[in-house]
Amino acid sequence: MKLSKVWLLMAAGALAWAPVHAADVAAGKAKAEEACADCHGDDGKGDDESPDIVKLTQKEFVTALQEFQSGKRNEPGKMQQKMVREAKKLSAADIANLAAYYQTLK
């Protein structure tokens, strides 16, 4: 009986760590063209004003967008303010899709 409880807890833990949304690379590409490319470029590598987002891991990418959404990452400056506004428009699915898409550009 103890062993089955352990397996049940392990299975529940695995589900808790699983992504809530299955990432859709095609949807991520479409959202990137709509929301990200103007500043970060079609290749996600940015320029002098916008950082290279392709070099981020999926986790770093998701965390950065969540921090922009929550206001945790809100430094003074025009570009930062724009990023906060843009990030707040994204759903959790959008973020997962964008992260998956940008991973394909590495």
PDB file of N, CA and C in Angstrom:
ATOM      1  N   MET A   1       0.817  -1.188   0.000  1.00  0.00           N
ATOM      2  CA  MET A   1       0.000   0.000   0.000  1.00  0.00           C
ATOM      3  C   MET A   1       0.863   1.255   0.000  1.00  0.00           C
ATOM      4  N   LYS A   2       1.962   1.257   0.773  1.00  0.00           N
ATOM      5  CA  LYS A   2       2.843   2.415   0.807  1.00  0.00           C
ATOM      6  C   LYS A   2       3.441   2.697  -0.567  1.00  0.00           C
ATOM      7  N   LEU A   3       3.816   1.656  -1.273  1.00  0.00           N
ATOM      8  CA  LEU A   3       4.426   1.819  -2.572  1.00  0.00           C
ATOM      9  C   LEU A   3       3.456   2.482  -3.554  1.00  0.00           C
ATOM     10  N   SER A   4       2.193   2.113  -3.517  1.00  0.00           N
ATOM     11  CA  SER A   4       1.229   2.724  -4.439  1.00  0.00           C
ATOM     12  C   SER A   4       1.024   4.202  -4.117  1.00  0.00           C
ATOM     13  N   LYS A   5       1.112   4.588  -2.845  1.00  0.00           N
ATOM     14  CA  LYS A   5       1.009   6.004  -2.480  1.00  0.00           C
ATOM     15  C   LYS A   5       2.204   6.783  -3.014  1.00  0.00           C
ATOM     16  N   VAL A   6       3.366   6.169  -2.951  1.00  0.00           N
ATOM     17  CA  VAL A   6       4.572   6.818  -3.468  1.00  0.00           C
ATOM     18  C   VAL A   6       4.426   7.048  -4.970  1.00  0.00           C
ATOM     19  N   TRP A   7       3.964   6.022  -5.675  1.00  0.00           N
ATOM     20  CA  TRP A   7       3.786   6.162  -7.127  1.00  0.00           C
ATOM     21  C   TRP A   7       2.731   7.206  -7.449  1.00  0.00           C
ATOM     22  N   LEU A   8       1.682   7.245  -6.671  1.00  0.00           N
ATOM     23  CA  LEU A   8       0.632   8.241  -6.881  1.00  0.00           C
ATOM     24  C   LEU A   8       1.186   9.648  -6.683  1.00  0.00           C
ATOM     25  N   LEU A   9       1.977   9.840  -5.644  1.00  0.00           N
ATOM     26  CA  LEU A   9       2.590  11.149  -5.408  1.00  0.00           C
ATOM     27  C   LEU A   9       3.575  11.513  -6.518  1.00  0.00           C
ATOM     28  N   MET A  10       4.322  10.541  -6.992  1.00  0.00           N
ATOM     29  CA  MET A  10       5.268  10.805  -8.083  1.00  0.00           C
ATOM     30  C   MET A  10       4.517  11.196  -9.353  1.00  0.00           C
ATOM     31  N   ALA A  11       3.444  10.511  -9.640  1.00  0.00           N
ATOM     32  CA  ALA A  11       2.655  10.828 -10.833  1.00  0.00           C
ATOM     33  C   ALA A  11       2.035  12.222 -10.721  1.00  0.00           C
ATOM     34  N   ALA A  12       1.527  12.553  -9.552  1.00  0.00           N
ATOM     35  CA  ALA A  12       0.946  13.881  -9.339  1.00  0.00           C
ATOM     36  C   ALA A  12       2.016  14.958  -9.489  1.00  0.00           C
ATOM     37  N   GLY A  13       3.194  14.689  -8.976  1.00  0.00           N
ATOM     38  CA  GLY A  13       4.295  15.642  -9.108  1.00  0.00           C
ATOM     39  C   GLY A  13       4.696  15.844 -10.555  1.00  0.00           C
ATOM     40  N   ALA A  14       4.730  14.764 -11.312  1.00  0.00           N
ATOM     41  CA  ALA A  14       5.086  14.866 -12.727  1.00  0.00           C
ATOM     42  C   ALA A  14       4.057  15.696 -13.482  1.00  0.00           C
ATOM     43  N   LEU A  15       2.801  15.510 -13.174  1.00  0.00           N
ATOM     44  CA  LEU A  15       1.747  16.296 -13.824  1.00  0.00           C
ATOM     45  C   LEU A  15       1.847  17.766 -13.444  1.00  0.00           C
ATOM     46  N   ALA A  16       2.215  18.045 -12.217  1.00  0.00           N
ATOM     47  CA  ALA A  16       2.336  19.424 -11.769  1.00  0.00           C
ATOM     48  C   ALA A  16       3.452  20.141 -12.516  1.00  0.00           C
ATOM     49  N   TRP A  17       4.508  19.430 -12.884  1.00  0.00           N
ATOM     50  CA  TRP A  17       5.624  20.049 -13.601  1.00  0.00           C
ATOM     51  C   TRP A  17       5.397  20.105 -15.100  1.00  0.00           C
ATOM     52  N   ALA A  18       4.425  19.364 -15.605  1.00  0.00           N
ATOM     53  CA  ALA A  18       4.159  19.368 -17.040  1.00  0.00           C
ATOM     54  C   ALA A  18       3.609  20.730 -17.461  1.00  0.00           C
ATOM     55  N   PRO A  19       3.942  21.186 -18.666  1.00  0.00           N
ATOM     56  CA  PRO A  19       3.419  22.468 -19.117  1.00  0.00           C
ATOM     57  C   PRO A  19       1.903  22.438 -19.195  1.00  0.00           C
ATOM     58  N   VAL A  20       1.301  23.549 -18.833  1.00  0.00           N
ATOM     59  CA  VAL A  20      -0.153  23.645 -18.867  1.00  0.00           C
ATOM     60  C   VAL A  20      -0.633  23.637 -20.315  1.00  0.00           C
ATOM     61  N   HIS A  21       0.132  24.245 -21.181  1.00  0.00           N
ATOM     62  CA  HIS A  21      -0.244  24.334 -22.584  1.00  0.00           C
ATOM     63  C   HIS A  21       0.792  23.596 -23.429  1.00  0.00           C
ATOM     64  N   ALA A  22       0.303  22.762 -24.324  1.00  0.00           N
ATOM     65  CA  ALA A  22       1.224  22.143 -25.265  1.00  0.00           C
ATOM     66  C   ALA A  22       1.633  23.230 -26.251  1.00  0.00           C
ATOM     67  N   ALA A  23       2.911  23.379 -26.459  1.00  0.00           N
ATOM     68  CA  ALA A  23       3.412  24.451 -27.307  1.00  0.00           C
ATOM     69  C   ALA A  23       3.123  24.170 -28.776  1.00  0.00           C
ATOM     70  N   ASP A  24       2.757  25.208 -29.490  1.00  0.00           N
ATOM     71  CA  ASP A  24       2.456  25.151 -30.913  1.00  0.00           C
ATOM     72  C   ASP A  24       3.438  26.096 -31.621  1.00  0.00           C
ATOM     73  N   VAL A  25       4.447  25.524 -32.264  1.00  0.00           N
ATOM     74  CA  VAL A  25       5.502  26.314 -32.896  1.00  0.00           C
ATOM     75  C   VAL A  25       4.936  27.219 -33.989  1.00  0.00           C
ATOM     76  N   ALA A  26       3.998  26.711 -34.786  1.00  0.00           N
ATOM     77  CA  ALA A  26       3.415  27.527 -35.862  1.00  0.00           C
ATOM     78  C   ALA A  26       2.674  28.737 -35.290  1.00  0.00           C
ATOM     79  N   ALA A  27       1.940  28.517 -34.217  1.00  0.00           N
ATOM     80  CA  ALA A  27       1.246  29.641 -33.563  1.00  0.00           C
ATOM     81  C   ALA A  27       2.258  30.606 -32.965  1.00  0.00           C
ATOM     82  N   GLY A  28       3.363  30.074 -32.444  1.00  0.00           N
ATOM     83  CA  GLY A  28       4.424  30.917 -31.904  1.00  0.00           C
ATOM     84  C   GLY A  28       5.049  31.782 -32.977  1.00  0.00           C
ATOM     85  N   LYS A  29       5.255  31.214 -34.151  1.00  0.00           N
ATOM     86  CA  LYS A  29       5.821  31.980 -35.265  1.00  0.00           C
ATOM     87  C   LYS A  29       4.872  33.107 -35.664  1.00  0.00           C
ATOM     88  N   ALA A  30       3.593  32.801 -35.764  1.00  0.00           N
ATOM     89  CA  ALA A  30       2.611  33.826 -36.133  1.00  0.00           C
ATOM     90  C   ALA A  30       2.578  34.943 -35.093  1.00  0.00           C
ATOM     91  N   LYS A  31       2.615  34.585 -33.826  1.00  0.00           N
ATOM     92  CA  LYS A  31       2.594  35.594 -32.752  1.00  0.00           C
ATOM     93  C   LYS A  31       3.890  36.398 -32.766  1.00  0.00           C
ATOM     94  N   ALA A  32       5.014  35.755 -33.051  1.00  0.00           N
ATOM     95  CA  ALA A  32       6.299  36.453 -33.115  1.00  0.00           C
ATOM     96  C   ALA A  32       6.284  37.496 -34.228  1.00  0.00           C
ATOM     97  N   GLU A  33       5.733  37.133 -35.373  1.00  0.00           N
ATOM     98  CA  GLU A  33       5.648  38.076 -36.488  1.00  0.00           C
ATOM     99  C   GLU A  33       4.765  39.265 -36.125  1.00  0.00           C
ATOM    100  N   GLU A  34       3.736  39.005 -35.360  1.00  0.00           N
ATOM    101  CA  GLU A  34       2.781  40.044 -34.963  1.00  0.00           C
ATOM    102  C   GLU A  34       3.300  40.907 -33.817  1.00  0.00           C
ATOM    103  N   ALA A  35       3.936  40.298 -32.831  1.00  0.00           N
ATOM    104  CA  ALA A  35       4.228  41.009 -31.586  1.00  0.00           C
ATOM    105  C   ALA A  35       5.707  41.268 -31.304  1.00  0.00           C
ATOM    106  N   CYS A  36       6.606  40.514 -31.904  1.00  0.00           N
ATOM    107  CA  CYS A  36       8.018  40.577 -31.493  1.00  0.00           C
ATOM    108  C   CYS A  36       8.978  41.062 -32.567  1.00  0.00           C
ATOM    109  N   ALA A  37       8.680  40.758 -33.809  1.00  0.00           N
ATOM    110  CA  ALA A  37       9.635  40.977 -34.897  1.00  0.00           C
ATOM    111  C   ALA A  37      10.004  42.440 -35.104  1.00  0.00           C
ATOM    112  N   ASP A  38       9.082  43.362 -34.857  1.00  0.00           N
ATOM    113  CA  ASP A  38       9.391  44.782 -35.067  1.00  0.00           C
ATOM    114  C   ASP A  38      10.607  45.218 -34.265  1.00  0.00           C
ATOM    115  N   CYS A  39      10.748  44.721 -33.061  1.00  0.00           N
ATOM    116  CA  CYS A  39      11.876  45.117 -32.207  1.00  0.00           C
ATOM    117  C   CYS A  39      13.013  44.098 -32.214  1.00  0.00           C
ATOM    118  N   HIS A  40      12.671  42.818 -32.168  1.00  0.00           N
ATOM    119  CA  HIS A  40      13.691  41.770 -32.034  1.00  0.00           C
ATOM    120  C   HIS A  40      14.122  41.175 -33.369  1.00  0.00           C
ATOM    121  N   GLY A  41      13.488  41.608 -34.445  1.00  0.00           N
ATOM    122  CA  GLY A  41      13.827  41.113 -35.778  1.00  0.00           C
ATOM    123  C   GLY A  41      13.165  39.793 -36.094  1.00  0.00           C
ATOM    124  N   ASP A  42      13.139  39.473 -37.379  1.00  0.00           N
ATOM    125  CA  ASP A  42      12.535  38.206 -37.816  1.00  0.00           C
ATOM    126  C   ASP A  42      13.272  36.997 -37.260  1.00  0.00           C
ATOM    127  N   ASP A  43      14.564  37.176 -36.987  1.00  0.00           N
ATOM    128  CA  ASP A  43      15.373  36.067 -36.484  1.00  0.00           C
ATOM    129  C   ASP A  43      15.485  36.058 -34.962  1.00  0.00           C
ATOM    130  N   GLY A  44      14.890  37.062 -34.282  1.00  0.00           N
ATOM    131  CA  GLY A  44      14.921  37.122 -32.827  1.00  0.00           C
ATOM    132  C   GLY A  44      16.241  37.569 -32.237  1.00  0.00           C
ATOM    133  N   LYS A  45      17.164  37.981 -33.084  1.00  0.00           N
ATOM    134  CA  LYS A  45      18.504  38.328 -32.598  1.00  0.00           C
ATOM    135  C   LYS A  45      18.645  39.792 -32.198  1.00  0.00           C
ATOM    136  N   GLY A  46      17.590  40.575 -32.357  1.00  0.00           N
ATOM    137  CA  GLY A  46      17.610  41.951 -31.893  1.00  0.00           C
ATOM    138  C   GLY A  46      18.598  42.834 -32.616  1.00  0.00           C
ATOM    139  N   ASP A  47      18.909  43.960 -31.965  1.00  0.00           N
ATOM    140  CA  ASP A  47      19.855  44.935 -32.505  1.00  0.00           C
ATOM    141  C   ASP A  47      20.438  45.727 -31.339  1.00  0.00           C
ATOM    142  N   ASP A  48      20.897  46.927 -31.601  1.00  0.00           N
ATOM    143  CA  ASP A  48      21.506  47.742 -30.542  1.00  0.00           C
ATOM    144  C   ASP A  48      20.514  48.089 -29.428  1.00  0.00           C
ATOM    145  N   GLU A  49      19.241  48.203 -29.768  1.00  0.00           N
ATOM    146  CA  GLU A  49      18.234  48.603 -28.777  1.00  0.00           C
ATOM    147  C   GLU A  49      17.476  47.433 -28.166  1.00  0.00           C
ATOM    148  N   SER A  50      17.364  46.347 -28.895  1.00  0.00           N
ATOM    149  CA  SER A  50      16.579  45.193 -28.440  1.00  0.00           C
ATOM    150  C   SER A  50      17.474  43.969 -28.324  1.00  0.00           C
ATOM    151  N   PRO A  51      17.339  43.225 -27.239  1.00  0.00           N
ATOM    152  CA  PRO A  51      18.238  42.084 -27.020  1.00  0.00           C
ATOM    153  C   PRO A  51      17.937  40.878 -27.912  1.00  0.00           C
ATOM    154  N   ASP A  52      18.916  40.027 -28.000  1.00  0.00           N
ATOM    155  CA  ASP A  52      18.827  38.741 -28.686  1.00  0.00           C
ATOM    156  C   ASP A  52      18.012  37.804 -27.789  1.00  0.00           C
ATOM    157  N   ILE A  53      16.814  37.447 -28.227  1.00  0.00           N
ATOM    158  CA  ILE A  53      15.971  36.565 -27.409  1.00  0.00           C
ATOM    159  C   ILE A  53      16.124  35.098 -27.809  1.00  0.00           C
ATOM    160  N   VAL A  54      16.804  34.845 -28.918  1.00  0.00           N
ATOM    161  CA  VAL A  54      17.028  33.472 -29.364  1.00  0.00           C
ATOM    162  C   VAL A  54      17.997  32.756 -28.430  1.00  0.00           C
ATOM    163  N   LYS A  55      18.917  33.502 -27.840  1.00  0.00           N
ATOM    164  CA  LYS A  55      19.920  32.870 -26.982  1.00  0.00           C
ATOM    165  C   LYS A  55      19.339  32.403 -25.643  1.00  0.00           C
ATOM    166  N   LEU A  56      18.138  32.849 -25.308  1.00  0.00           N
ATOM    167  CA  LEU A  56      17.515  32.453 -24.045  1.00  0.00           C
ATOM    168  C   LEU A  56      17.040  31.011 -24.103  1.00  0.00           C
ATOM    169  N   THR A  57      17.118  30.320 -22.974  1.00  0.00           N
ATOM    170  CA  THR A  57      16.490  28.995 -22.886  1.00  0.00           C
ATOM    171  C   THR A  57      14.985  29.210 -22.831  1.00  0.00           C
ATOM    172  N   GLN A  58      14.237  28.147 -23.026  1.00  0.00           N
ATOM    173  CA  GLN A  58      12.775  28.273 -22.935  1.00  0.00           C
ATOM    174  C   GLN A  58      12.371  28.797 -21.565  1.00  0.00           C
ATOM    175  N   LYS A  59      12.984  28.273 -20.531  1.00  0.00           N
ATOM    176  CA  LYS A  59      12.646  28.692 -19.174  1.00  0.00           C
ATOM    177  C   LYS A  59      12.967  30.170 -18.961  1.00  0.00           C
ATOM    178  N   GLU A  60      14.139  30.609 -19.425  1.00  0.00           N
ATOM    179  CA  GLU A  60      14.515  32.018 -19.285  1.00  0.00           C
ATOM    180  C   GLU A  60      13.552  32.922 -20.055  1.00  0.00           C
ATOM    181  N   PHE A  61      13.155  32.482 -21.246  1.00  0.00           N
ATOM    182  CA  PHE A  61      12.228  33.247 -22.072  1.00  0.00           C
ATOM    183  C   PHE A  61      10.887  33.413 -21.364  1.00  0.00           C
ATOM    184  N   VAL A  62      10.340  32.296 -20.885  1.00  0.00           N
ATOM    185  CA  VAL A  62       9.054  32.322 -20.188  1.00  0.00           C
ATOM    186  C   VAL A  62       9.141  33.186 -18.932  1.00  0.00           C
ATOM    187  N   THR A  63      10.187  32.997 -18.149  1.00  0.00           N
ATOM    188  CA  THR A  63      10.364  33.770 -16.919  1.00  0.00           C
ATOM    189  C   THR A  63      10.438  35.266 -17.221  1.00  0.00           C
ATOM    190  N   ALA A  64      11.191  35.635 -18.242  1.00  0.00           N
ATOM    191  CA  ALA A  64      11.322  37.055 -18.592  1.00  0.00           C
ATOM    192  C   ALA A  64       9.959  37.652 -18.933  1.00  0.00           C
ATOM    193  N   LEU A  65       9.179  36.964 -19.758  1.00  0.00           N
ATOM    194  CA  LEU A  65       7.870  37.500 -20.130  1.00  0.00           C
ATOM    195  C   LEU A  65       6.928  37.563 -18.931  1.00  0.00           C
ATOM    196  N   GLN A  66       6.977  36.564 -18.082  1.00  0.00           N
ATOM    197  CA  GLN A  66       6.140  36.589 -16.874  1.00  0.00           C
ATOM    198  C   GLN A  66       6.545  37.738 -15.957  1.00  0.00           C
ATOM    199  N   GLU A  67       7.837  38.020 -15.877  1.00  0.00           N
ATOM    200  CA  GLU A  67       8.306  39.134 -15.047  1.00  0.00           C
ATOM    201  C   GLU A  67       7.896  40.473 -15.644  1.00  0.00           C
ATOM    202  N   PHE A  68       7.890  40.587 -16.968  1.00  0.00           N
ATOM    203  CA  PHE A  68       7.382  41.812 -17.593  1.00  0.00           C
ATOM    204  C   PHE A  68       5.887  41.958 -17.301  1.00  0.00           C
ATOM    205  N   GLN A  69       5.141  40.857 -17.392  1.00  0.00           N
ATOM    206  CA  GLN A  69       3.701  40.905 -17.132  1.00  0.00           C
ATOM    207  C   GLN A  69       3.388  41.317 -15.703  1.00  0.00           C
ATOM    208  N   SER A  70       4.133  40.793 -14.753  1.00  0.00           N
ATOM    209  CA  SER A  70       3.853  41.054 -13.340  1.00  0.00           C
ATOM    210  C   SER A  70       4.382  42.404 -12.870  1.00  0.00           C
ATOM    211  N   GLY A  71       5.259  43.008 -13.659  1.00  0.00           N
ATOM    212  CA  GLY A  71       5.866  44.272 -13.259  1.00  0.00           C
ATOM    213  C   GLY A  71       7.174  44.094 -12.513  1.00  0.00           C
ATOM    214  N   LYS A  72       7.552  42.858 -12.259  1.00  0.00           N
ATOM    215  CA  LYS A  72       8.820  42.603 -11.568  1.00  0.00           C
ATOM    216  C   LYS A  72      10.001  43.112 -12.398  1.00  0.00           C
ATOM    217  N   ARG A  73       9.882  42.996 -13.700  1.00  0.00           N
ATOM    218  CA  ARG A  73      10.929  43.476 -14.608  1.00  0.00           C
ATOM    219  C   ARG A  73      10.354  44.699 -15.328  1.00  0.00           C
ATOM    220  N   ASN A  74      10.550  45.839 -14.725  1.00  0.00           N
ATOM    221  CA  ASN A  74      10.009  47.075 -15.278  1.00  0.00           C
ATOM    222  C   ASN A  74      10.990  48.203 -14.998  1.00  0.00           C
ATOM    223  N   GLU A  75      12.069  48.204 -15.738  1.00  0.00           N
ATOM    224  CA  GLU A  75      13.093  49.217 -15.563  1.00  0.00           C
ATOM    225  C   GLU A  75      12.703  50.468 -16.344  1.00  0.00           C
ATOM    226  N   PRO A  76      13.190  51.625 -15.907  1.00  0.00           N
ATOM    227  CA  PRO A  76      12.866  52.845 -16.638  1.00  0.00           C
ATOM    228  C   PRO A  76      13.407  52.787 -18.067  1.00  0.00           C
ATOM    229  N   GLY A  77      12.738  53.420 -18.932  1.00  0.00           N
ATOM    230  CA  GLY A  77      13.181  53.473 -20.323  1.00  0.00           C
ATOM    231  C   GLY A  77      12.041  53.131 -21.255  1.00  0.00           C
ATOM    232  N   LYS A  78      12.075  53.756 -22.404  1.00  0.00           N
ATOM    233  CA  LYS A  78      11.022  53.599 -23.401  1.00  0.00           C
ATOM    234  C   LYS A  78      10.864  52.147 -23.854  1.00  0.00           C
ATOM    235  N   MET A  79      11.987  51.462 -24.125  1.00  0.00           N
ATOM    236  CA  MET A  79      11.915  50.085 -24.612  1.00  0.00           C
ATOM    237  C   MET A  79      11.363  49.144 -23.543  1.00  0.00           C
ATOM    238  N   GLN A  80      11.766  49.337 -22.305  1.00  0.00           N
ATOM    239  CA  GLN A  80      11.263  48.504 -21.210  1.00  0.00           C
ATOM    240  C   GLN A  80       9.762  48.693 -21.045  1.00  0.00           C
ATOM    241  N   GLN A  81       9.313  49.919 -21.104  1.00  0.00           N
ATOM    242  CA  GLN A  81       7.885  50.202 -20.957  1.00  0.00           C
ATOM    243  C   GLN A  81       7.094  49.560 -22.090  1.00  0.00           C
ATOM    244  N   LYS A  82       7.646  49.610 -23.299  1.00  0.00           N
ATOM    245  CA  LYS A  82       6.974  48.968 -24.427  1.00  0.00           C
ATOM    246  C   LYS A  82       6.899  47.460 -24.213  1.00  0.00           C
ATOM    247  N   MET A  83       7.979  46.888 -23.696  1.00  0.00           N
ATOM    248  CA  MET A  83       8.000  45.445 -23.463  1.00  0.00           C
ATOM    249  C   MET A  83       6.958  45.044 -22.425  1.00  0.00           C
ATOM    250  N   VAL A  84       6.806  45.834 -21.376  1.00  0.00           N
ATOM    251  CA  VAL A  84       5.791  45.556 -20.359  1.00  0.00           C
ATOM    252  C   VAL A  84       4.401  45.583 -21.004  1.00  0.00           C
ATOM    253  N   ARG A  85       4.131  46.588 -21.803  1.00  0.00           N
ATOM    254  CA  ARG A  85       2.818  46.686 -22.475  1.00  0.00           C
ATOM    255  C   ARG A  85       2.572  45.486 -23.381  1.00  0.00           C
ATOM    256  N   GLU A  86       3.589  45.132 -24.168  1.00  0.00           N
ATOM    257  CA  GLU A  86       3.437  44.009 -25.096  1.00  0.00           C
ATOM    258  C   GLU A  86       3.268  42.680 -24.361  1.00  0.00           C
ATOM    259  N   ALA A  87       4.036  42.480 -23.313  1.00  0.00           N
ATOM    260  CA  ALA A  87       3.961  41.223 -22.556  1.00  0.00           C
ATOM    261  C   ALA A  87       2.592  41.043 -21.918  1.00  0.00           C
ATOM    262  N   LYS A  88       2.002  42.130 -21.464  1.00  0.00           N
ATOM    263  CA  LYS A  88       0.691  42.034 -20.815  1.00  0.00           C
ATOM    264  C   LYS A  88      -0.408  41.611 -21.781  1.00  0.00           C
ATOM    265  N   LYS A  89      -0.167  41.716 -23.060  1.00  0.00           N
ATOM    266  CA  LYS A  89      -1.142  41.297 -24.078  1.00  0.00           C
ATOM    267  C   LYS A  89      -1.101  39.792 -24.329  1.00  0.00           C
ATOM    268  N   LEU A  90      -0.050  39.130 -23.847  1.00  0.00           N
ATOM    269  CA  LEU A  90       0.154  37.712 -24.146  1.00  0.00           C
ATOM    270  C   LEU A  90      -0.528  36.801 -23.132  1.00  0.00           C
ATOM    271  N   SER A  91      -1.127  35.733 -23.635  1.00  0.00           N
ATOM    272  CA  SER A  91      -1.690  34.696 -22.766  1.00  0.00           C
ATOM    273  C   SER A  91      -0.585  33.707 -22.407  1.00  0.00           C
ATOM    274  N   ALA A  92      -0.874  32.829 -21.478  1.00  0.00           N
ATOM    275  CA  ALA A  92       0.089  31.774 -21.119  1.00  0.00           C
ATOM    276  C   ALA A  92       0.389  30.896 -22.333  1.00  0.00           C
ATOM    277  N   ALA A  93      -0.626  30.624 -23.145  1.00  0.00           N
ATOM    278  CA  ALA A  93      -0.426  29.821 -24.355  1.00  0.00           C
ATOM    279  C   ALA A  93       0.460  30.566 -25.349  1.00  0.00           C
ATOM    280  N   ASP A  94       0.240  31.878 -25.504  1.00  0.00           N
ATOM    281  CA  ASP A  94       1.091  32.673 -26.391  1.00  0.00           C
ATOM    282  C   ASP A  94       2.553  32.571 -25.973  1.00  0.00           C
ATOM    283  N   ILE A  95       2.807  32.702 -24.680  1.00  0.00           N
ATOM    284  CA  ILE A  95       4.177  32.660 -24.170  1.00  0.00           C
ATOM    285  C   ILE A  95       4.809  31.297 -24.431  1.00  0.00           C
ATOM    286  N   ALA A  96       4.071  30.231 -24.165  1.00  0.00           N
ATOM    287  CA  ALA A  96       4.591  28.879 -24.415  1.00  0.00           C
ATOM    288  C   ALA A  96       4.883  28.687 -25.904  1.00  0.00           C
ATOM    289  N   ASN A  97       3.993  29.174 -26.750  1.00  0.00           N
ATOM    290  CA  ASN A  97       4.179  29.044 -28.196  1.00  0.00           C
ATOM    291  C   ASN A  97       5.378  29.855 -28.676  1.00  0.00           C
ATOM    292  N   LEU A  98       5.520  31.073 -28.178  1.00  0.00           N
ATOM    293  CA  LEU A  98       6.663  31.908 -28.542  1.00  0.00           C
ATOM    294  C   LEU A  98       7.974  31.258 -28.105  1.00  0.00           C
ATOM    295  N   ALA A  99       8.001  30.768 -26.885  1.00  0.00           N
ATOM    296  CA  ALA A  99       9.213  30.120 -26.366  1.00  0.00           C
ATOM    297  C   ALA A  99       9.588  28.924 -27.229  1.00  0.00           C
ATOM    298  N   ALA A 100       8.611  28.138 -27.608  1.00  0.00           N
ATOM    299  CA  ALA A 100       8.878  26.960 -28.456  1.00  0.00           C
ATOM    300  C   ALA A 100       9.381  27.399 -29.835  1.00  0.00           C
ATOM    301  N   TYR A 101       8.769  28.428 -30.396  1.00  0.00           N
ATOM    302  CA  TYR A 101       9.197  28.915 -31.712  1.00  0.00           C
ATOM    303  C   TYR A 101      10.630  29.430 -31.676  1.00  0.00           C
ATOM    304  N   TYR A 102      10.957  30.270 -30.701  1.00  0.00           N
ATOM    305  CA  TYR A 102      12.302  30.839 -30.648  1.00  0.00           C
ATOM    306  C   TYR A 102      13.371  29.764 -30.405  1.00  0.00           C
ATOM    307  N   GLN A 103      12.994  28.658 -29.796  1.00  0.00           N
ATOM    308  CA  GLN A 103      13.948  27.549 -29.621  1.00  0.00           C
ATOM    309  C   GLN A 103      14.316  26.938 -30.969  1.00  0.00           C
ATOM    310  N   THR A 104      13.407  27.013 -31.934  1.00  0.00           N
ATOM    311  CA  THR A 104      13.695  26.431 -33.251  1.00  0.00           C
ATOM    312  C   THR A 104      14.669  27.276 -34.062  1.00  0.00           C
ATOM    313  N   LEU A 105      14.914  28.523 -33.641  1.00  0.00           N
ATOM    314  CA  LEU A 105      15.800  29.429 -34.383  1.00  0.00           C
ATOM    315  C   LEU A 105      17.253  29.346 -33.935  1.00  0.00           C
ATOM    316  N   LYS A 106      17.539  28.544 -32.931  1.00  0.00           N
ATOM    317  CA  LYS A 106      18.913  28.441 -32.405  1.00  0.00           C
ATOM    318  C   LYS A 106      19.842  27.800 -33.395  1.00  0.00           C
TER     319      LYS A 106
END
